[in-house]
Amino acid sequence: MTDLTLRVKELIIARLKLEGMTPDQIEDQAPLFGDGLGLDSIDALELVLGIEQTFGVKIEDEAAGLKAFRSVEALTAFIAEHRKA
């Protein structure tokens, strides 16, 4: 697990108050919504705010959000790509 992946998982756990969950319990490729972590639209808004505050990366629109929130792996890649810009 990369440092950024770990930080993303810790952000998810902290922002969504997933008490008792550890980063290693979140699969990198599992969907964040639906059958994966089971997140909803309110969770997505909380994560968008957390990502902006923690990493300085903005998720500008719904299309970018759909791409970024497919999985932890996709979210980590999105953050890494947009932090360089």
Protein backbone atom coordinates (compact mmCIF):
# COMPACT_ATOMS: atom_id res chain seq x y z
CA MET A 1 0.00 0.00 0.00
CA THR A 2 1.46 3.36 -0.99
CA ASP A 3 1.57 6.28 1.40
CA LEU A 4 -1.06 8.14 -0.64
CA THR A 5 -3.35 5.11 -0.69
CA LEU A 6 -3.04 4.79 3.07
CA ARG A 7 -3.82 8.50 3.52
CA VAL A 8 -6.90 8.20 1.27
CA LYS A 9 -8.17 5.21 3.26
CA GLU A 10 -7.54 7.04 6.54
CA LEU A 11 -9.42 10.05 5.17
CA ILE A 12 -12.39 7.86 4.22
CA ILE A 13 -12.48 6.27 7.67
CA ALA A 14 -12.12 9.58 9.53
CA ARG A 15 -14.49 11.72 7.43
CA LEU A 16 -17.21 9.09 7.30
CA LYS A 17 -16.75 8.03 10.91
CA LEU A 18 -16.32 4.35 10.02
CA GLU A 19 -15.51 3.41 13.58
CA GLY A 20 -13.73 0.11 14.08
CA MET A 21 -12.59 -0.05 10.46
CA THR A 22 -8.89 -0.07 9.57
CA PRO A 23 -7.26 0.90 6.25
CA ASP A 24 -6.31 -2.71 5.50
CA GLN A 25 -10.01 -3.64 5.60
CA ILE A 26 -10.73 -1.39 2.60
CA GLU A 27 -9.84 -3.09 -0.67
CA ASP A 28 -8.06 -0.88 -3.20
CA GLN A 29 -10.22 -2.01 -6.13
CA ALA A 30 -13.56 -2.46 -4.39
CA PRO A 31 -16.29 0.00 -5.38
CA LEU A 32 -16.84 2.83 -2.92
CA PHE A 33 -20.57 2.85 -3.63
CA GLY A 34 -23.08 0.03 -3.94
CA ASP A 35 -21.68 -3.40 -3.16
CA GLY A 36 -18.29 -2.08 -2.01
CA LEU A 37 -18.22 0.21 1.01
CA GLY A 38 -21.87 1.09 0.43
CA LEU A 39 -21.35 4.85 0.44
CA ASP A 40 -24.13 7.24 -0.58
CA SER A 41 -24.38 10.77 -2.00
CA ILE A 42 -23.99 12.41 1.42
CA ASP A 43 -20.80 10.40 1.94
CA ALA A 44 -19.58 11.58 -1.48
CA LEU A 45 -20.07 15.22 -0.50
CA GLU A 46 -18.18 14.68 2.74
CA LEU A 47 -15.32 13.02 0.83
CA VAL A 48 -15.18 15.83 -1.75
CA LEU A 49 -14.74 18.34 1.08
CA GLY A 50 -12.14 16.17 2.77
CA ILE A 51 -10.16 15.72 -0.44
CA GLU A 52 -10.16 19.45 -1.10
CA GLN A 53 -9.06 20.28 2.45
CA THR A 54 -6.49 17.51 2.80
CA PHE A 55 -4.97 17.27 -0.67
CA GLY A 56 -5.91 20.59 -2.28
CA VAL A 57 -7.59 18.76 -5.17
CA LYS A 58 -10.99 19.85 -6.44
CA ILE A 59 -13.48 17.48 -8.01
CA GLU A 60 -15.01 19.95 -10.41
CA ASP A 61 -18.05 18.12 -11.76
CA GLU A 62 -20.13 14.97 -11.66
CA ALA A 63 -18.21 13.27 -14.48
CA ALA A 64 -14.91 13.74 -12.63
CA GLY A 65 -16.54 12.52 -9.43
CA LEU A 66 -17.90 9.38 -11.07
CA LYS A 67 -14.45 8.56 -12.39
CA ALA A 68 -12.63 9.40 -9.15
CA PHE A 69 -15.01 7.59 -6.81
CA ARG A 70 -15.02 4.21 -8.60
CA SER A 71 -12.59 2.80 -6.03
CA VAL A 72 -9.81 3.75 -3.63
CA GLU A 73 -7.37 2.96 -6.43
CA ALA A 74 -9.17 5.35 -8.83
CA LEU A 75 -9.42 8.05 -6.16
CA THR A 76 -5.72 7.76 -5.33
CA ALA A 77 -4.81 8.00 -9.03
CA PHE A 78 -7.09 11.05 -9.45
CA ILE A 79 -5.49 12.83 -6.47
CA ALA A 80 -1.95 11.97 -7.64
CA GLU A 81 -2.69 13.25 -11.15
CA HIS A 82 -4.30 16.52 -10.04
CA ARG A 83 -1.77 17.34 -7.33
CA LYS A 84 0.92 17.51 -10.00
CA ALA A 85 -1.06 19.95 -12.12
